[in-house]
């Protein structure tokens, strides 16, 4: 991922992320857009037929502007 220009990454975990994984993702935000998501977020979104594109855009916004690759979003999508 680091060797490709303009690449973005979305990592989905069924068991959450460790502190070191989140910290490394935060450091990587200096060079790439990295978004971390939990499977339960995505499942809840799909169960209520939410807008996946809007959910992803908001997660990218948090990663880029607030330097938070793991932003657990509510049910607004």
C-alpha atoms as a PDB file:
ATOM      1  CA  UNK A   1       0.000   0.000   0.000  1.00  0.00           C
ATOM      2  CA  UNK A   2       2.821   2.446   0.774  1.00  0.00           C
ATOM      3  CA  UNK A   3       4.436   1.992  -2.622  1.00  0.00           C
ATOM      4  CA  UNK A   4       1.386   3.001  -4.664  1.00  0.00           C
ATOM      5  CA  UNK A   5       0.588   6.662  -5.157  1.00  0.00           C
ATOM      6  CA  UNK A   6      -2.869   8.004  -4.401  1.00  0.00           C
ATOM      7  CA  UNK A   7      -3.983   4.746  -2.799  1.00  0.00           C
ATOM      8  CA  UNK A   8      -6.575   4.671  -0.021  1.00  0.00           C
ATOM      9  CA  UNK A   9      -7.311   1.814   2.349  1.00  0.00           C
ATOM     10  CA  UNK A  10     -10.366   0.576   4.178  1.00  0.00           C
ATOM     11  CA  UNK A  11      -9.819  -2.087   6.824  1.00  0.00           C
ATOM     12  CA  UNK A  12     -12.839  -3.814   8.337  1.00  0.00           C
ATOM     13  CA  UNK A  13     -12.368  -5.886  11.487  1.00  0.00           C
ATOM     14  CA  UNK A  14     -14.782  -8.320  13.078  1.00  0.00           C
ATOM     15  CA  UNK A  15     -12.897  -8.212  16.384  1.00  0.00           C
ATOM     16  CA  UNK A  16     -11.905  -4.564  16.694  1.00  0.00           C
ATOM     17  CA  UNK A  17      -8.474  -2.963  16.403  1.00  0.00           C
ATOM     18  CA  UNK A  18      -5.600  -2.967  18.864  1.00  0.00           C
ATOM     19  CA  UNK A  19      -4.106   0.254  20.168  1.00  0.00           C
ATOM     20  CA  UNK A  20      -0.890  -0.224  18.172  1.00  0.00           C
ATOM     21  CA  UNK A  21      -2.883  -0.832  14.958  1.00  0.00           C
ATOM     22  CA  UNK A  22      -4.809   2.402  15.463  1.00  0.00           C
ATOM     23  CA  UNK A  23      -1.609   4.315  16.262  1.00  0.00           C
ATOM     24  CA  UNK A  24       0.112   2.992  13.128  1.00  0.00           C
ATOM     25  CA  UNK A  25      -2.910   3.958  11.056  1.00  0.00           C
ATOM     26  CA  UNK A  26      -2.803   7.455  12.541  1.00  0.00           C
ATOM     27  CA  UNK A  27       0.870   7.768  11.571  1.00  0.00           C
ATOM     28  CA  UNK A  28       0.131   6.511   8.068  1.00  0.00           C
ATOM     29  CA  UNK A  29      -2.469   9.261   7.622  1.00  0.00           C
ATOM     30  CA  UNK A  30       0.448  11.607   6.921  1.00  0.00           C
ATOM     31  CA  UNK A  31       0.949   9.829   3.592  1.00  0.00           C
ATOM     32  CA  UNK A  32      -2.287   7.957   2.807  1.00  0.00           C
ATOM     33  CA  UNK A  33      -5.953   7.932   3.662  1.00  0.00           C
ATOM     34  CA  UNK A  34      -6.602   4.949   5.887  1.00  0.00           C
ATOM     35  CA  UNK A  35     -10.027   4.190   7.290  1.00  0.00           C
ATOM     36  CA  UNK A  36     -10.735   1.605   9.971  1.00  0.00           C
ATOM     37  CA  UNK A  37     -14.205   0.196  10.428  1.00  0.00           C
ATOM     38  CA  UNK A  38     -15.783  -2.437  12.575  1.00  0.00           C
ATOM     39  CA  UNK A  39     -17.912  -5.151  11.055  1.00  0.00           C
ATOM     40  CA  UNK A  40     -20.781  -4.423  13.437  1.00  0.00           C
ATOM     41  CA  UNK A  41     -20.970  -0.847  12.065  1.00  0.00           C
ATOM     42  CA  UNK A  42     -21.345  -2.129   8.557  1.00  0.00           C
ATOM     43  CA  UNK A  43     -23.822  -4.864   9.483  1.00  0.00           C
ATOM     44  CA  UNK A  44     -26.044  -2.406  11.363  1.00  0.00           C
ATOM     45  CA  UNK A  45     -25.914  -0.033   8.419  1.00  0.00           C
ATOM     46  CA  UNK A  46     -26.867  -2.751   5.936  1.00  0.00           C
ATOM     47  CA  UNK A  47     -29.631  -4.116   8.180  1.00  0.00           C
ATOM     48  CA  UNK A  48     -31.450  -0.816   8.087  1.00  0.00           C
ATOM     49  CA  UNK A  49     -30.613  -0.283   4.409  1.00  0.00           C
ATOM     50  CA  UNK A  50     -28.477   2.742   5.185  1.00  0.00           C
ATOM     51  CA  UNK A  51     -26.412   4.696   2.720  1.00  0.00           C
ATOM     52  CA  UNK A  52     -23.063   2.907   2.539  1.00  0.00           C
ATOM     53  CA  UNK A  53     -21.535   5.610   0.323  1.00  0.00           C
ATOM     54  CA  UNK A  54     -22.455   8.355   2.810  1.00  0.00           C
ATOM     55  CA  UNK A  55     -21.090   6.244   5.685  1.00  0.00           C
ATOM     56  CA  UNK A  56     -17.794   5.777   3.885  1.00  0.00           C
ATOM     57  CA  UNK A  57     -17.545   9.464   2.928  1.00  0.00           C
ATOM     58  CA  UNK A  58     -18.029  10.446   6.567  1.00  0.00           C
ATOM     59  CA  UNK A  59     -15.382   7.974   7.741  1.00  0.00           C
ATOM     60  CA  UNK A  60     -12.952   9.358   5.150  1.00  0.00           C
ATOM     61  CA  UNK A  61     -13.754  12.894   6.324  1.00  0.00           C
ATOM     62  CA  UNK A  62     -12.914  11.938   9.925  1.00  0.00           C
ATOM     63  CA  UNK A  63      -9.669  10.336   8.786  1.00  0.00           C
ATOM     64  CA  UNK A  64      -8.590  13.302   6.672  1.00  0.00           C
ATOM     65  CA  UNK A  65      -9.743  16.271   8.728  1.00  0.00           C
ATOM     66  CA  UNK A  66      -9.659  14.983  12.285  1.00  0.00           C
ATOM     67  CA  UNK A  67      -6.792  12.492  11.851  1.00  0.00           C
ATOM     68  CA  UNK A  68      -8.971   9.713  13.268  1.00  0.00           C
ATOM     69  CA  UNK A  69      -8.837   6.541  11.154  1.00  0.00           C
ATOM     70  CA  UNK A  70     -11.274   4.802  13.519  1.00  0.00           C
ATOM     71  CA  UNK A  71     -14.393   6.909  13.960  1.00  0.00           C
ATOM     72  CA  UNK A  72     -17.333   4.821  15.122  1.00  0.00           C
ATOM     73  CA  UNK A  73     -20.312   6.514  13.566  1.00  0.00           C
ATOM     74  CA  UNK A  74     -23.857   6.488  14.857  1.00  0.00           C
ATOM     75  CA  UNK A  75     -27.027   5.568  13.014  1.00  0.00           C
ATOM     76  CA  UNK A  76     -27.287   8.714  10.888  1.00  0.00           C
ATOM     77  CA  UNK A  77     -26.661   6.871   7.640  1.00  0.00           C
END
